[in-house]
Every structure is written in C-alpha cells, then in structure tokens.
N, C-alpha and C. Protein backbone atom coordinates (compact mmCIF):
# COMPACT_ATOMS: atom_id res chain seq x y z
N MET A 1 -106.41 35.19 -57.35
CA MET A 1 -106.10 36.38 -57.20
C MET A 1 -106.28 36.72 -55.57
N ALA A 2 -107.45 36.24 -55.30
CA ALA A 2 -107.88 36.33 -53.87
C ALA A 2 -106.94 35.77 -52.76
N VAL A 3 -106.63 34.52 -53.14
CA VAL A 3 -105.37 33.86 -52.36
C VAL A 3 -104.31 34.51 -52.33
N VAL A 4 -103.67 35.13 -53.55
CA VAL A 4 -102.48 35.75 -53.62
C VAL A 4 -102.61 37.14 -52.64
N LEU A 5 -103.77 37.66 -52.84
CA LEU A 5 -103.91 38.81 -51.82
C LEU A 5 -103.98 38.50 -50.32
N ALA A 6 -104.57 37.64 -50.14
CA ALA A 6 -104.73 37.07 -48.80
C ALA A 6 -103.30 36.78 -48.13
N VAL A 7 -102.39 36.08 -49.00
CA VAL A 7 -101.19 35.70 -48.46
C VAL A 7 -100.38 37.08 -48.50
N ALA A 8 -100.31 37.72 -49.52
CA ALA A 8 -99.62 39.00 -49.32
C ALA A 8 -100.05 39.95 -48.14
N LEU A 9 -101.33 40.08 -47.80
CA LEU A 9 -101.77 40.75 -46.64
C LEU A 9 -101.30 40.04 -45.35
N SER A 10 -101.23 38.77 -45.22
CA SER A 10 -100.82 38.15 -44.14
C SER A 10 -99.18 38.31 -43.81
N VAL A 11 -98.35 38.35 -44.96
CA VAL A 11 -97.07 38.52 -44.97
C VAL A 11 -96.75 40.04 -44.32
N LEU A 12 -97.47 40.78 -44.90
CA LEU A 12 -97.33 42.29 -44.51
C LEU A 12 -97.73 42.48 -42.94
N THR A 13 -98.76 41.95 -42.55
CA THR A 13 -99.16 42.04 -41.19
C THR A 13 -98.09 41.51 -40.39
N ILE A 14 -97.41 40.14 -40.44
CA ILE A 14 -96.44 39.77 -39.81
C ILE A 14 -95.22 40.65 -39.84
N TYR A 15 -94.87 41.23 -40.98
CA TYR A 15 -93.83 42.00 -41.05
C TYR A 15 -93.95 43.27 -39.99
N GLN A 16 -95.18 44.04 -40.20
CA GLN A 16 -95.52 44.98 -39.30
C GLN A 16 -95.43 44.60 -37.80
N LEU A 17 -96.08 43.60 -37.44
CA LEU A 17 -95.92 43.17 -35.90
C LEU A 17 -94.57 43.16 -35.60
N ARG A 18 -93.67 42.46 -36.45
CA ARG A 18 -92.38 42.19 -35.96
C ARG A 18 -91.54 43.42 -35.70
N HIS A 19 -91.77 44.48 -36.61
CA HIS A 19 -91.09 45.70 -36.76
C HIS A 19 -91.63 46.69 -35.60
N SER A 20 -92.93 46.36 -35.13
CA SER A 20 -93.48 47.14 -34.00
C SER A 20 -93.39 46.52 -32.57
N ASP A 21 -92.82 45.26 -32.55
CA ASP A 21 -92.67 44.58 -31.35
C ASP A 21 -91.61 45.20 -30.39
N PRO A 22 -91.96 45.71 -29.30
CA PRO A 22 -91.01 46.73 -28.21
C PRO A 22 -89.93 45.85 -28.06
N TYR A 23 -89.75 44.59 -27.93
CA TYR A 23 -88.62 43.88 -27.57
C TYR A 23 -87.46 43.98 -28.71
N ILE A 24 -87.91 43.67 -30.08
CA ILE A 24 -87.25 43.86 -31.20
C ILE A 24 -86.78 45.31 -31.33
N GLN A 25 -87.57 46.30 -31.27
CA GLN A 25 -87.32 47.70 -31.26
C GLN A 25 -86.05 48.03 -30.32
N SER A 26 -86.15 47.56 -29.08
CA SER A 26 -85.18 47.90 -27.87
C SER A 26 -84.00 47.24 -28.48
N VAL A 27 -84.00 45.98 -28.81
CA VAL A 27 -82.66 45.22 -29.27
C VAL A 27 -82.09 46.19 -30.31
N LEU A 28 -82.87 46.42 -31.35
CA LEU A 28 -82.27 47.21 -32.59
C LEU A 28 -81.74 48.65 -32.29
N SER A 29 -82.05 49.24 -31.24
CA SER A 29 -81.76 50.37 -30.75
C SER A 29 -80.46 50.43 -29.95
N ILE A 30 -79.99 49.22 -29.72
CA ILE A 30 -78.85 49.06 -28.89
C ILE A 30 -77.45 48.67 -29.61
N SER A 31 -76.39 49.40 -29.34
CA SER A 31 -75.15 48.78 -30.14
C SER A 31 -74.71 47.72 -29.35
N GLY A 32 -74.55 46.60 -29.98
CA GLY A 32 -74.19 45.46 -29.29
C GLY A 32 -72.45 45.40 -29.30
N ASP A 33 -72.14 44.44 -28.40
CA ASP A 33 -70.56 44.31 -28.19
C ASP A 33 -70.41 42.87 -28.60
N SER A 34 -69.67 42.82 -29.67
CA SER A 34 -69.32 41.23 -30.22
C SER A 34 -68.52 40.43 -29.17
N VAL A 35 -67.68 41.01 -28.34
CA VAL A 35 -66.94 40.39 -27.39
C VAL A 35 -67.96 39.60 -26.29
N GLN A 36 -68.80 40.56 -25.85
CA GLN A 36 -69.91 40.07 -24.95
C GLN A 36 -70.64 38.98 -25.65
N GLY A 37 -71.17 39.27 -26.86
CA GLY A 37 -71.99 38.28 -27.57
C GLY A 37 -71.13 36.96 -27.77
N GLN A 38 -69.88 36.90 -27.89
CA GLN A 38 -69.36 35.81 -27.95
C GLN A 38 -69.37 34.80 -26.80
N VAL A 39 -69.35 35.69 -25.69
CA VAL A 39 -69.40 35.06 -24.20
C VAL A 39 -70.93 34.44 -24.05
N ILE A 40 -71.80 35.14 -24.55
CA ILE A 40 -73.35 34.75 -24.48
C ILE A 40 -73.38 33.57 -25.57
N PHE A 41 -72.76 33.37 -26.58
CA PHE A 41 -72.91 32.39 -27.44
C PHE A 41 -72.17 31.21 -26.88
N GLN A 42 -71.11 31.24 -26.35
CA GLN A 42 -70.30 30.29 -25.72
C GLN A 42 -71.23 29.59 -24.61
N GLN A 43 -71.78 30.47 -23.65
CA GLN A 43 -72.62 29.86 -22.52
C GLN A 43 -74.03 29.18 -23.12
N ASN A 44 -74.48 29.70 -24.31
CA ASN A 44 -75.94 29.40 -24.57
C ASN A 44 -76.08 28.50 -25.82
N CYS A 45 -75.20 28.67 -26.67
CA CYS A 45 -75.52 28.31 -27.98
C CYS A 45 -74.27 27.24 -28.52
N ALA A 46 -73.24 27.21 -28.04
CA ALA A 46 -72.13 26.52 -28.46
C ALA A 46 -72.13 24.99 -28.39
N VAL A 47 -72.88 24.47 -27.26
CA VAL A 47 -73.16 23.00 -27.19
C VAL A 47 -73.80 22.38 -28.53
N CYS A 48 -74.50 23.35 -29.09
CA CYS A 48 -75.28 22.75 -30.20
C CYS A 48 -74.76 23.07 -31.65
N HIS A 49 -74.23 24.28 -31.67
CA HIS A 49 -73.63 25.07 -32.72
C HIS A 49 -72.13 25.14 -32.95
N GLY A 50 -71.59 24.63 -31.92
CA GLY A 50 -70.07 24.26 -31.73
C GLY A 50 -69.27 25.50 -31.26
N LEU A 51 -68.27 25.33 -30.66
CA LEU A 51 -67.57 26.35 -29.94
C LEU A 51 -67.23 27.59 -31.24
N ASN A 52 -67.03 26.98 -32.33
CA ASN A 52 -66.72 28.04 -33.40
C ASN A 52 -67.75 28.36 -34.53
N ALA A 53 -68.86 27.86 -33.91
CA ALA A 53 -70.35 27.94 -34.64
C ALA A 53 -70.22 27.40 -36.03
N ASP A 54 -69.43 26.19 -36.06
CA ASP A 54 -69.28 25.54 -37.22
C ASP A 54 -70.54 24.39 -37.37
N GLY A 55 -71.36 24.38 -36.37
CA GLY A 55 -72.31 23.37 -36.33
C GLY A 55 -72.11 21.96 -35.82
N ARG A 56 -72.98 21.50 -35.22
CA ARG A 56 -73.05 20.15 -34.55
C ARG A 56 -74.48 19.54 -34.63
N VAL A 57 -75.30 19.74 -33.61
CA VAL A 57 -76.69 19.37 -33.55
C VAL A 57 -77.49 20.51 -34.47
N GLY A 58 -77.09 21.75 -34.18
CA GLY A 58 -77.57 22.80 -34.73
C GLY A 58 -76.58 23.23 -35.92
N PRO A 59 -77.16 23.97 -36.98
CA PRO A 59 -76.35 24.22 -38.15
C PRO A 59 -75.05 25.24 -37.97
N SER A 60 -74.33 25.28 -38.85
CA SER A 60 -73.26 26.28 -38.88
C SER A 60 -73.93 27.69 -38.87
N LEU A 61 -73.25 28.60 -38.10
CA LEU A 61 -73.88 29.90 -38.05
C LEU A 61 -72.83 30.91 -38.77
N HIS A 62 -71.91 30.46 -39.53
CA HIS A 62 -70.89 31.22 -40.32
C HIS A 62 -71.78 31.76 -41.49
N HIS A 63 -71.66 33.02 -41.51
CA HIS A 63 -72.26 34.01 -42.54
C HIS A 63 -73.86 33.88 -42.29
N VAL A 64 -74.42 33.56 -41.17
CA VAL A 64 -75.78 33.58 -40.92
C VAL A 64 -76.40 34.85 -41.01
N ALA A 65 -75.74 36.01 -40.95
CA ALA A 65 -76.17 37.37 -41.16
C ALA A 65 -76.63 37.68 -42.59
N SER A 66 -75.95 37.05 -43.50
CA SER A 66 -76.15 36.97 -44.93
C SER A 66 -77.34 36.42 -45.42
N ARG A 67 -77.89 35.25 -44.46
CA ARG A 67 -78.99 34.55 -44.85
C ARG A 67 -80.37 34.98 -44.11
N LYS A 68 -80.12 35.60 -43.11
CA LYS A 68 -81.24 35.95 -42.25
C LYS A 68 -81.22 37.62 -41.81
N SER A 69 -82.21 38.19 -41.69
CA SER A 69 -82.13 39.58 -41.35
C SER A 69 -82.07 39.57 -39.79
N ARG A 70 -81.67 40.98 -39.30
CA ARG A 70 -81.71 41.01 -37.90
C ARG A 70 -82.81 40.58 -37.12
N ILE A 71 -84.07 40.91 -37.72
CA ILE A 71 -85.22 40.59 -37.05
C ILE A 71 -85.39 39.28 -37.07
N GLY A 72 -85.12 38.58 -38.18
CA GLY A 72 -85.00 37.18 -38.45
C GLY A 72 -84.24 36.57 -37.40
N LEU A 73 -83.02 36.90 -37.11
CA LEU A 73 -82.28 36.25 -36.11
C LEU A 73 -82.89 36.44 -34.66
N ILE A 74 -83.12 37.57 -34.48
CA ILE A 74 -83.85 37.83 -33.15
C ILE A 74 -85.09 36.64 -32.90
N HIS A 75 -85.85 36.73 -33.91
CA HIS A 75 -87.05 35.77 -33.92
C HIS A 75 -86.62 34.45 -33.68
N GLN A 76 -85.48 33.95 -34.35
CA GLN A 76 -84.98 32.56 -34.32
C GLN A 76 -84.48 32.18 -32.96
N VAL A 77 -83.81 33.20 -32.29
CA VAL A 77 -83.25 33.05 -30.87
C VAL A 77 -84.58 33.01 -29.89
N VAL A 78 -85.26 33.96 -29.96
CA VAL A 78 -86.42 33.93 -28.99
C VAL A 78 -87.68 33.10 -28.97
N SER A 79 -87.91 32.59 -30.29
CA SER A 79 -89.10 31.86 -30.50
C SER A 79 -89.16 30.44 -29.95
N GLY A 80 -88.17 29.73 -30.27
CA GLY A 80 -88.28 28.26 -29.77
C GLY A 80 -89.04 27.62 -30.83
N GLU A 81 -89.16 28.09 -32.02
CA GLU A 81 -90.09 27.48 -33.21
C GLU A 81 -89.39 26.63 -33.93
N THR A 82 -88.14 26.27 -33.83
CA THR A 82 -87.48 25.31 -34.51
C THR A 82 -86.64 24.54 -33.65
N PRO A 83 -87.37 23.28 -33.20
CA PRO A 83 -86.58 22.29 -32.28
C PRO A 83 -85.62 21.62 -33.22
N PRO A 84 -84.57 21.28 -32.61
CA PRO A 84 -84.53 21.16 -31.07
C PRO A 84 -83.91 22.29 -30.27
N MET A 85 -83.92 23.64 -31.07
CA MET A 85 -83.48 24.89 -30.38
C MET A 85 -84.76 25.30 -29.31
N PRO A 86 -84.07 25.43 -28.09
CA PRO A 86 -85.03 26.01 -27.22
C PRO A 86 -85.40 27.41 -27.28
N GLN A 87 -86.38 27.79 -26.42
CA GLN A 87 -86.65 29.10 -26.58
C GLN A 87 -85.66 29.70 -25.69
N PHE A 88 -85.07 31.08 -25.92
CA PHE A 88 -84.28 31.67 -25.08
C PHE A 88 -84.54 33.19 -25.21
N GLN A 89 -84.82 33.80 -23.90
CA GLN A 89 -85.10 35.11 -23.77
C GLN A 89 -84.04 36.05 -23.30
N PRO A 90 -83.04 36.39 -24.02
CA PRO A 90 -81.88 37.23 -23.56
C PRO A 90 -82.54 38.76 -23.19
N THR A 91 -81.72 39.33 -22.40
CA THR A 91 -82.22 40.75 -22.30
C THR A 91 -82.07 41.46 -23.56
N PRO A 92 -82.58 42.60 -23.66
CA PRO A 92 -82.14 43.43 -24.99
C PRO A 92 -80.66 43.58 -25.24
N GLN A 93 -79.95 44.01 -24.24
CA GLN A 93 -78.44 44.21 -24.41
C GLN A 93 -77.94 42.88 -24.94
N GLU A 94 -78.20 41.83 -24.06
CA GLU A 94 -77.56 40.46 -24.44
C GLU A 94 -77.83 40.11 -25.97
N MET A 95 -79.20 40.40 -26.38
CA MET A 95 -79.43 39.96 -27.79
C MET A 95 -78.66 40.93 -28.57
N ALA A 96 -78.52 42.13 -28.26
CA ALA A 96 -77.77 43.07 -29.36
C ALA A 96 -76.20 42.54 -29.31
N ASP A 97 -75.86 42.23 -28.21
CA ASP A 97 -74.44 41.55 -28.10
C ASP A 97 -74.23 40.53 -29.02
N LEU A 98 -75.26 39.57 -29.05
CA LEU A 98 -75.37 38.16 -29.50
C LEU A 98 -75.32 38.44 -31.11
N LEU A 99 -76.17 39.47 -31.58
CA LEU A 99 -76.41 39.85 -32.96
C LEU A 99 -75.07 40.32 -33.50
N LYS A 100 -74.39 41.12 -32.72
CA LYS A 100 -73.15 41.73 -32.96
C LYS A 100 -72.19 40.55 -33.50
N TYR A 101 -72.19 39.56 -32.53
CA TYR A 101 -71.03 38.63 -32.57
C TYR A 101 -71.68 37.66 -33.79
N LEU A 102 -72.86 37.28 -34.11
CA LEU A 102 -73.26 36.61 -35.13
C LEU A 102 -72.97 37.33 -36.59
N GLU A 103 -72.96 38.59 -36.50
CA GLU A 103 -72.73 39.19 -37.64
C GLU A 103 -71.39 39.25 -38.04
N ARG A 104 -70.42 38.95 -37.16
CA ARG A 104 -68.95 38.85 -37.32
C ARG A 104 -68.54 37.43 -38.02
N LEU A 105 -69.45 36.52 -37.68
CA LEU A 105 -69.16 35.17 -38.14
C LEU A 105 -69.10 34.96 -39.91
C-alpha cells in the first residue's frame, strides 16, 4: 500500500510541476499557426520523422496528438530524453506553431 501511495504521489508531483512550468504555460496560452509549424517541422524534424511525418529514424507522427497530450508533446520536443532525438528549445510561439501542426497530422 505504501508503494502504491508513493508512486501516486510522485506522479501527482510530476503532473503539477509540468502544469506549473512557465515555458509550458506560455506555450499553451498562445494560439499556434499550423503553416508556421510545418515550416518549423521541415527545418528541424523532417530529417528523422520524414517530410510528411511518416517516420524514418524517428517514428511516424501521424495522429500523435491522439497518443500524447499537449504537455507530453512539449516535453518530448524540449527534453531530449528519447535518443536519438536531440533536445530542442523553440520559442514559446514556435512550440505553439509546431503543436498546431502536429495536431493536424
């Protein structure tokens, strides 16, 4: 029981930290532009994820918004926690644009 409680508390803490992160809050407060997001994707992501986001070295990103939350997508892009994907720190506007594009896939 104590282990379950500890895990639940850890998950809740991580959830709260992510929701209170100023960068994430800034991104989520901006209305993205999918056309600009596609440009950002082509310049930074297409080499691994394919020109049409259908996957190459990196996985296909079609319907990625149905598999990951907006916060999860932001974290995936900026963290660099899943090699070989590099860490990437777009401006809040660029991230909002990229999110809008990814949500259209």
